[in-house]
């Protein structure tokens, strides 16, 4: 960790506590919507799609503003503050529309901060160590998620509250880690030195050459099942509210264990190869879900998620001229394609069957993966011939 700047370490702790709170929400949200509020899977799809779209689409706007006005830390602080305040309000929700509204507000906070946060990490990353920096940050991120799931597990094991009551209390208690993250951010993370003049332009033509690789990830997400559907399927397979947090724990533990190491591999072998490897693990996770290997599915989901995000964040950090703006475009693409994917999977699952939904995910994921592999092979051959 000697190549990691102290500001990135502090940001790691900010993400640790924030994602502890987030995990306490996302682990239980599918169960809350379907089994406590008595809504169907399609309604859960609406919740996921709306919240995901708002979370990521607005990142384009705030990424642009961050680059244009050279505003970084203020956006990060405001974003974390919004999330810290809105998560606990889910404890008072009584319909899927309440959940959709509150999740959307909480995701606005993430939209405000995300592009600026990644630009800050990129700025404080040392030369040729961006993979390690993003790997460390993601490690702290998923470690917080894991602890949030452990807390849920212990609460269900050692309290006598009814499930619905306890879930609502857990949502309310997320205020504490949210405030802890905000205090660390305010007092221990330095802002990027502000430019004297604002930029006369933000969009740089050369940055658009990055979009083909980012786009491959977007299309993979269009077909890939959300982690919320992974959790819901585990519940439908008969897993209890004690076992479900254990699934999330093993997934996040996998990510925490691999994150820094994946960053080292990205620094050594490049983002493109590691992204292709990530796609293969995503495919394995879907196969695990299809054949009822739930534990395996969650482990491979964790591997896919951590490698893909670290690879693409490093790719942007190294190649983008307007980093916050491109990070915003990256998250905006995730918004559109993840939201559409959630709606499609929820519709097919509800109207037809889980089997049809998982087959759709598998076919689409395989097509995207093969397409990326072919493009990389062609580019490699062209480069080899030109040299």
Protein backbone atom coordinates (compact mmCIF):
# COMPACT_ATOMS: atom_id res chain seq x y z
CA UNK A 1 0.00 0.00 0.00
CA UNK A 2 3.03 2.29 -0.04
CA UNK A 3 2.02 3.72 -3.44
CA UNK A 4 -1.41 4.81 -2.16
CA UNK A 5 -1.85 8.51 -1.36
CA UNK A 6 -3.27 9.43 2.06
CA UNK A 7 -6.25 11.17 0.43
CA UNK A 8 -7.15 7.94 -1.37
CA UNK A 9 -6.85 6.02 1.89
CA UNK A 10 -9.23 8.50 3.55
CA UNK A 11 -11.61 8.19 0.58
CA UNK A 12 -11.40 4.43 1.08
CA UNK A 13 -12.74 4.82 4.61
CA UNK A 14 -15.47 7.15 3.36
CA UNK A 15 -16.60 4.46 0.93
CA UNK A 16 -16.20 1.79 3.62
CA UNK A 17 -18.80 3.38 5.91
CA UNK A 18 -21.06 4.51 3.07
CA UNK A 19 -21.19 1.06 1.54
CA UNK A 20 -21.72 -0.50 4.94
CA UNK A 21 -24.95 1.51 5.05
CA UNK A 22 -25.75 0.75 1.40
CA UNK A 23 -25.36 -2.99 1.96
CA UNK A 24 -27.75 -2.82 4.91
CA UNK A 25 -30.30 -1.49 2.41
CA UNK A 26 -29.64 -3.40 -0.82
CA UNK A 27 -29.30 -6.81 0.85
CA UNK A 28 -32.83 -6.54 2.25
CA UNK A 29 -34.57 -4.31 -0.30
CA UNK A 30 -35.80 -7.09 -2.67
CA UNK A 31 -37.22 -9.01 0.30
CA UNK A 32 -38.74 -5.79 1.71
CA UNK A 33 -40.49 -4.89 -1.56
CA UNK A 34 -41.75 -8.37 -2.49
CA UNK A 35 -42.40 -9.99 0.91
CA UNK A 36 -43.04 -7.10 3.33
CA UNK A 37 -44.82 -4.65 1.02
CA UNK A 38 -46.38 -7.54 -0.99
CA UNK A 39 -45.42 -6.17 -4.39
CA UNK A 40 -44.50 -8.38 -7.37
CA UNK A 41 -41.20 -8.91 -9.20
CA UNK A 42 -42.15 -6.52 -11.99
CA UNK A 43 -42.68 -3.74 -9.43
CA UNK A 44 -39.26 -4.52 -7.99
CA UNK A 45 -37.92 -4.12 -11.53
CA UNK A 46 -39.45 -0.62 -11.66
CA UNK A 47 -37.75 0.30 -8.38
CA UNK A 48 -34.36 -0.97 -9.59
CA UNK A 49 -34.70 0.67 -13.02
CA UNK A 50 -35.83 4.09 -11.80
CA UNK A 51 -33.22 4.32 -9.04
CA UNK A 52 -30.45 3.01 -11.30
CA UNK A 53 -31.30 5.39 -14.12
CA UNK A 54 -31.41 8.47 -11.90
CA UNK A 55 -28.23 7.44 -10.10
CA UNK A 56 -26.17 7.06 -13.24
CA UNK A 57 -27.77 9.43 -15.77
CA UNK A 58 -27.23 12.50 -13.59
CA UNK A 59 -23.54 11.60 -13.28
CA UNK A 60 -23.06 12.87 -16.84
CA UNK A 61 -24.36 16.29 -15.78
CA UNK A 62 -22.29 16.53 -12.62
CA UNK A 63 -19.22 15.10 -14.32
CA UNK A 64 -19.51 17.88 -16.92
CA UNK A 65 -20.01 20.54 -14.24
CA UNK A 66 -17.09 19.23 -12.20
CA UNK A 67 -14.73 19.51 -15.17
CA UNK A 68 -16.12 22.82 -16.43
CA UNK A 69 -16.03 24.67 -13.11
CA UNK A 70 -13.16 22.67 -11.54
CA UNK A 71 -15.42 21.77 -8.60
CA UNK A 72 -14.50 18.45 -7.01
CA UNK A 73 -14.73 18.03 -3.23
CA UNK A 74 -17.91 20.14 -2.80
CA UNK A 75 -19.79 17.80 -5.15
CA UNK A 76 -18.40 14.80 -3.26
CA UNK A 77 -19.49 16.20 0.12
CA UNK A 78 -22.98 17.16 -1.07
CA UNK A 79 -23.46 13.75 -2.67
CA UNK A 80 -22.50 11.80 0.42
CA UNK A 81 -24.67 14.06 2.60
CA UNK A 82 -27.77 13.40 0.47
CA UNK A 83 -27.21 9.64 0.62
CA UNK A 84 -26.60 9.65 4.38
CA UNK A 85 -29.89 11.44 5.09
CA UNK A 86 -32.19 9.60 2.66
CA UNK A 87 -31.28 5.93 3.29
CA UNK A 88 -32.84 5.85 6.79
CA UNK A 89 -36.17 7.15 5.44
CA UNK A 90 -36.77 3.79 3.74
CA UNK A 91 -37.78 2.53 7.17
CA UNK A 92 -40.98 4.55 6.78
CA UNK A 93 -41.92 3.34 3.26
CA UNK A 94 -45.30 1.63 2.78
CA UNK A 95 -45.49 1.01 -0.98
CA UNK A 96 -43.19 0.35 -3.92
CA UNK A 97 -43.74 3.97 -5.04
CA UNK A 98 -42.39 5.18 -1.68
CA UNK A 99 -39.36 2.95 -2.11
CA UNK A 100 -38.82 4.10 -5.70
CA UNK A 101 -38.96 7.77 -4.65
CA UNK A 102 -36.61 7.38 -1.69
CA UNK A 103 -34.14 5.19 -3.58
CA UNK A 104 -34.16 7.75 -6.39
CA UNK A 105 -33.39 10.59 -3.96
CA UNK A 106 -30.60 8.56 -2.38
CA UNK A 107 -29.21 7.75 -5.82
CA UNK A 108 -29.21 11.46 -6.70
CA UNK A 109 -26.60 11.78 -3.96
CA UNK A 110 -24.50 9.13 -5.62
CA UNK A 111 -24.92 10.87 -8.96
CA UNK A 112 -23.67 14.17 -7.55
CA UNK A 113 -20.50 12.67 -6.06
CA UNK A 114 -19.41 9.75 -8.25
CA UNK A 115 -17.63 11.35 -11.22
CA UNK A 116 -15.91 13.91 -8.97
CA UNK A 117 -14.89 11.18 -6.51
CA UNK A 118 -13.26 9.12 -9.26
CA UNK A 119 -11.55 12.23 -10.64
CA UNK A 120 -10.20 12.94 -7.15
CA UNK A 121 -8.85 9.39 -6.82
CA UNK A 122 -7.33 9.65 -10.27
CA UNK A 123 -5.69 12.98 -9.42
CA UNK A 124 -4.03 11.61 -6.28
CA UNK A 125 -2.96 8.34 -7.95
CA UNK A 126 0.77 7.99 -8.58
CA UNK A 127 2.08 7.43 -12.10
CA UNK A 128 1.39 3.92 -13.45
CA UNK A 129 -0.32 2.96 -10.19
CA UNK A 130 -3.90 3.89 -11.07
CA UNK A 131 -4.96 0.25 -11.02
CA UNK A 132 -3.64 -0.16 -7.50
CA UNK A 133 -5.37 3.04 -6.35
CA UNK A 134 -8.75 2.06 -7.75
CA UNK A 135 -8.20 -1.50 -6.56
CA UNK A 136 -7.53 -0.29 -3.02
CA UNK A 137 -10.57 1.99 -3.09
CA UNK A 138 -12.82 -0.80 -4.34
CA UNK A 139 -11.38 -3.13 -1.69
CA UNK A 140 -12.45 -0.69 1.04
CA UNK A 141 -15.79 -0.21 -0.68
CA UNK A 142 -16.68 -3.91 -0.73
CA UNK A 143 -15.22 -4.49 2.75
CA UNK A 144 -17.80 -2.02 4.01
CA UNK A 145 -20.49 -3.89 2.10
CA UNK A 146 -19.35 -7.13 3.70
CA UNK A 147 -19.50 -5.66 7.21
CA UNK A 148 -23.00 -4.33 6.53
CA UNK A 149 -24.11 -7.85 5.61
CA UNK A 150 -22.43 -9.29 8.72
CA UNK A 151 -24.33 -6.78 10.87
CA UNK A 152 -27.61 -7.86 9.26
CA UNK A 153 -26.78 -11.53 9.84
CA UNK A 154 -26.02 -10.94 13.53
CA UNK A 155 -29.18 -8.91 14.03
CA UNK A 156 -31.36 -11.66 12.56
CA UNK A 157 -29.57 -14.28 14.65
CA UNK A 158 -29.63 -12.51 18.00
CA UNK A 159 -32.75 -10.32 18.09
CA UNK A 160 -36.33 -11.33 18.70
CA UNK A 161 -37.92 -8.65 16.53
CA UNK A 162 -40.21 -9.76 13.72
CA UNK A 163 -38.67 -9.71 10.26
CA UNK A 164 -40.65 -6.73 8.92
CA UNK A 165 -40.01 -4.63 12.04
CA UNK A 166 -36.30 -5.47 12.10
CA UNK A 167 -35.85 -4.63 8.41
CA UNK A 168 -37.36 -1.19 8.99
CA UNK A 169 -35.10 -0.60 12.00
CA UNK A 170 -32.04 -1.64 10.00
CA UNK A 171 -32.89 0.94 7.34
CA UNK A 172 -33.18 3.62 10.04
CA UNK A 173 -29.83 2.67 11.64
CA UNK A 174 -27.97 3.34 8.37
CA UNK A 175 -27.82 6.98 9.44
CA UNK A 176 -24.88 6.23 11.76
CA UNK A 177 -22.32 4.90 9.23
CA UNK A 178 -23.52 7.52 6.73
CA UNK A 179 -22.64 10.34 9.11
CA UNK A 180 -19.29 8.71 9.96
CA UNK A 181 -18.37 8.70 6.26
CA UNK A 182 -19.34 12.35 5.91
CA UNK A 183 -17.15 13.43 8.84
CA UNK A 184 -14.09 11.60 7.46
CA UNK A 185 -14.64 13.21 4.06
CA UNK A 186 -14.94 16.73 5.45
CA UNK A 187 -11.94 16.63 7.76
CA UNK A 188 -9.46 14.19 6.18
CA UNK A 189 -9.76 14.50 2.38
CA UNK A 190 -8.13 17.42 0.58
CA UNK A 191 -9.72 19.05 -2.41
CA UNK A 192 -7.93 19.12 -5.77
CA UNK A 193 -6.19 22.49 -6.23
CA UNK A 194 -8.59 24.74 -8.13
CA UNK A 195 -7.61 26.10 -11.51
CA UNK A 196 -7.39 29.87 -11.84
CA UNK A 197 -9.66 29.85 -14.88
CA UNK A 198 -12.54 27.60 -15.71
CA UNK A 199 -12.13 25.53 -18.86
CA UNK A 200 -13.44 26.99 -22.11
CA UNK A 201 -14.26 23.43 -23.22
CA UNK A 202 -14.90 20.10 -21.54
CA UNK A 203 -15.67 17.65 -24.33
CA UNK A 204 -12.42 16.53 -25.98
CA UNK A 205 -12.77 14.77 -29.32
CA UNK A 206 -10.06 12.22 -28.53
CA UNK A 207 -12.04 10.99 -25.52
CA UNK A 208 -14.71 9.48 -27.75
CA UNK A 209 -12.27 6.79 -28.86
CA UNK A 210 -12.71 5.26 -25.41
CA UNK A 211 -16.42 4.66 -25.92
CA UNK A 212 -16.20 1.34 -27.76
CA UNK A 213 -14.74 -0.44 -24.74
CA UNK A 214 -17.07 1.32 -22.30
CA UNK A 215 -19.96 0.49 -24.64
CA UNK A 216 -19.16 -3.23 -24.53
CA UNK A 217 -19.64 -3.10 -20.76
CA UNK A 218 -22.94 -1.23 -21.19
CA UNK A 219 -24.31 -3.93 -23.51
CA UNK A 220 -23.12 -6.66 -21.15
CA UNK A 221 -25.09 -4.96 -18.35
CA UNK A 222 -28.17 -4.75 -20.59
CA UNK A 223 -28.41 -8.54 -20.43
CA UNK A 224 -26.75 -9.20 -17.09
CA UNK A 225 -29.02 -9.68 -14.06
CA UNK A 226 -28.92 -7.09 -11.29
CA UNK A 227 -27.65 -8.24 -7.90
CA UNK A 228 -31.16 -7.52 -6.60
CA UNK A 229 -32.47 -10.32 -8.85
CA UNK A 230 -29.71 -12.62 -7.60
CA UNK A 231 -30.95 -12.00 -4.05
CA UNK A 232 -34.62 -12.44 -4.96
CA UNK A 233 -33.92 -15.74 -6.73
CA UNK A 234 -32.04 -16.98 -3.66
CA UNK A 235 -35.14 -16.19 -1.56
CA UNK A 236 -37.38 -18.00 -4.04
CA UNK A 237 -35.10 -21.03 -3.81
CA UNK A 238 -35.97 -21.19 -0.11
CA UNK A 239 -33.06 -19.34 1.49
CA UNK A 240 -33.88 -17.59 4.77
CA UNK A 241 -33.24 -14.01 5.90
CA UNK A 242 -30.25 -15.38 7.81
CA UNK A 243 -28.78 -17.14 4.78
CA UNK A 244 -29.22 -14.26 2.30
CA UNK A 245 -26.78 -11.91 4.09
CA UNK A 246 -24.29 -14.80 4.07
CA UNK A 247 -24.51 -14.88 0.27
CA UNK A 248 -23.79 -11.16 0.11
CA UNK A 249 -20.93 -11.62 2.59
CA UNK A 250 -19.23 -14.26 0.45
CA UNK A 251 -19.67 -12.12 -2.68
CA UNK A 252 -18.25 -8.98 -1.07
CA UNK A 253 -15.48 -10.96 0.66
CA UNK A 254 -14.46 -12.24 -2.78
CA UNK A 255 -14.35 -8.67 -4.08
CA UNK A 256 -12.40 -7.40 -1.08
CA UNK A 257 -9.86 -10.19 -1.44
CA UNK A 258 -9.40 -9.70 -5.19
CA UNK A 259 -9.74 -5.94 -5.58
CA UNK A 260 -6.20 -4.75 -4.88
CA UNK A 261 -4.69 -7.78 -6.66
CA UNK A 262 -6.90 -7.15 -9.70
CA UNK A 263 -5.58 -3.57 -9.74
CA UNK A 264 -2.02 -4.91 -9.82
CA UNK A 265 -2.95 -7.19 -12.75
CA UNK A 266 -4.59 -4.27 -14.58
CA UNK A 267 -1.43 -2.19 -14.18
CA UNK A 268 0.57 -5.09 -15.61
CA UNK A 269 -1.62 -6.56 -18.37
CA UNK A 270 -3.98 -3.73 -19.25
CA UNK A 271 -7.67 -2.96 -18.85
CA UNK A 272 -8.90 -4.62 -22.05
CA UNK A 273 -7.69 -8.12 -21.25
CA UNK A 274 -8.92 -7.90 -17.64
CA UNK A 275 -12.34 -6.70 -18.79
CA UNK A 276 -12.66 -9.76 -21.04
CA UNK A 277 -11.73 -11.97 -18.09
CA UNK A 278 -14.37 -10.17 -16.00
CA UNK A 279 -17.01 -10.92 -18.66
CA UNK A 280 -16.17 -14.62 -18.47
CA UNK A 281 -16.77 -14.63 -14.72
CA UNK A 282 -20.04 -12.77 -15.23
CA UNK A 283 -21.10 -15.53 -17.60
CA UNK A 284 -20.12 -18.19 -15.03
CA UNK A 285 -22.23 -16.43 -12.39
CA UNK A 286 -25.30 -16.59 -14.64
CA UNK A 287 -24.67 -20.27 -15.30
CA UNK A 288 -24.42 -20.84 -11.55
CA UNK A 289 -27.79 -19.15 -11.08
CA UNK A 290 -29.37 -21.16 -13.90
CA UNK A 291 -28.33 -24.50 -12.44
CA UNK A 292 -29.08 -23.63 -8.84
CA UNK A 293 -25.48 -23.26 -7.65
CA UNK A 294 -26.39 -20.17 -5.65
CA UNK A 295 -23.17 -19.86 -3.64
CA UNK A 296 -21.02 -20.24 -6.75
CA UNK A 297 -23.17 -17.67 -8.58
CA UNK A 298 -22.60 -15.06 -5.87
CA UNK A 299 -18.84 -15.71 -5.77
CA UNK A 300 -18.48 -15.33 -9.54
CA UNK A 301 -20.72 -12.26 -9.48
CA UNK A 302 -18.27 -10.69 -7.04
CA UNK A 303 -15.29 -11.52 -9.28
CA UNK A 304 -17.02 -10.05 -12.35
CA UNK A 305 -18.06 -6.88 -10.58
CA UNK A 306 -14.73 -6.00 -8.99
CA UNK A 307 -12.51 -6.72 -12.00
CA UNK A 308 -14.78 -4.98 -14.52
CA UNK A 309 -15.16 -1.78 -12.52
CA UNK A 310 -11.47 -1.58 -11.60
CA UNK A 311 -10.46 -2.19 -15.23
CA UNK A 312 -12.72 0.48 -16.69
CA UNK A 313 -12.06 3.11 -14.02
CA UNK A 314 -8.32 2.61 -14.58
CA UNK A 315 -8.85 2.78 -18.36
CA UNK A 316 -10.59 6.15 -18.04
CA UNK A 317 -8.02 7.45 -15.54
CA UNK A 318 -5.15 6.69 -17.92
CA UNK A 319 -6.68 7.71 -21.23
CA UNK A 320 -9.31 10.42 -20.72
CA UNK A 321 -8.48 14.11 -21.08
CA UNK A 322 -11.65 15.33 -19.34
CA UNK A 323 -11.74 12.71 -16.63
CA UNK A 324 -14.78 13.76 -14.59
CA UNK A 325 -16.82 14.18 -17.78
CA UNK A 326 -15.81 10.75 -19.14
CA UNK A 327 -16.45 9.17 -15.75
CA UNK A 328 -19.87 10.82 -15.95
CA UNK A 329 -20.47 9.36 -19.42
CA UNK A 330 -19.36 5.98 -18.12
CA UNK A 331 -21.86 6.07 -15.28
CA UNK A 332 -24.53 7.51 -17.57
CA UNK A 333 -24.15 4.56 -19.90
CA UNK A 334 -24.43 2.21 -16.95
CA UNK A 335 -27.64 4.04 -16.01
CA UNK A 336 -29.38 3.63 -19.32
CA UNK A 337 -28.41 0.04 -19.99
CA UNK A 338 -28.79 -1.24 -16.40
CA UNK A 339 -32.21 0.39 -16.10
CA UNK A 340 -33.38 -1.09 -19.41
CA UNK A 341 -31.94 -4.45 -18.40
CA UNK A 342 -33.76 -4.40 -15.05
CA UNK A 343 -37.06 -3.64 -16.77
CA UNK A 344 -36.57 -6.36 -19.40
CA UNK A 345 -35.51 -9.05 -16.90
CA UNK A 346 -38.32 -8.11 -14.48
CA UNK A 347 -40.89 -8.21 -17.30
CA UNK A 348 -39.74 -11.57 -18.69
CA UNK A 349 -39.47 -13.11 -15.21
CA UNK A 350 -42.93 -11.92 -14.12
CA UNK A 351 -44.80 -12.58 -17.38
CA UNK A 352 -43.06 -15.79 -18.43
CA UNK A 353 -40.59 -17.43 -16.02
CA UNK A 354 -37.21 -17.18 -14.37
CA UNK A 355 -35.94 -19.80 -16.83
CA UNK A 356 -36.73 -17.55 -19.79
CA UNK A 357 -35.17 -14.55 -18.05
CA UNK A 358 -31.90 -16.33 -17.25
CA UNK A 359 -31.68 -17.78 -20.78
CA UNK A 360 -32.07 -14.28 -22.23
CA UNK A 361 -29.28 -13.04 -19.94
CA UNK A 362 -26.99 -15.89 -20.94
CA UNK A 363 -27.47 -15.52 -24.69
CA UNK A 364 -26.97 -11.76 -24.64
CA UNK A 365 -23.89 -11.98 -22.42
CA UNK A 366 -22.27 -14.62 -24.64
CA UNK A 367 -22.84 -12.51 -27.78
CA UNK A 368 -21.25 -9.43 -26.17
CA UNK A 369 -18.29 -11.39 -24.82
CA UNK A 370 -17.53 -13.03 -28.16
CA UNK A 371 -17.83 -9.68 -29.97
CA UNK A 372 -15.31 -8.03 -27.63
CA UNK A 373 -12.89 -10.95 -27.97
CA UNK A 374 -13.04 -10.74 -31.77
CA UNK A 375 -12.46 -6.96 -31.77
CA UNK A 376 -9.46 -7.32 -29.48
CA UNK A 377 -8.02 -10.09 -31.68
CA UNK A 378 -8.45 -8.00 -34.85
CA UNK A 379 -6.86 -4.94 -33.21
CA UNK A 380 -3.97 -7.05 -31.97
CA UNK A 381 -3.34 -8.46 -35.45
CA UNK A 382 -3.45 -4.96 -36.99
CA UNK A 383 -0.98 -3.68 -34.43
CA UNK A 384 1.27 -6.68 -35.01
CA UNK A 385 1.26 -6.18 -38.81
CA UNK A 386 1.92 -2.43 -38.54
CA UNK A 387 4.94 -3.05 -36.34
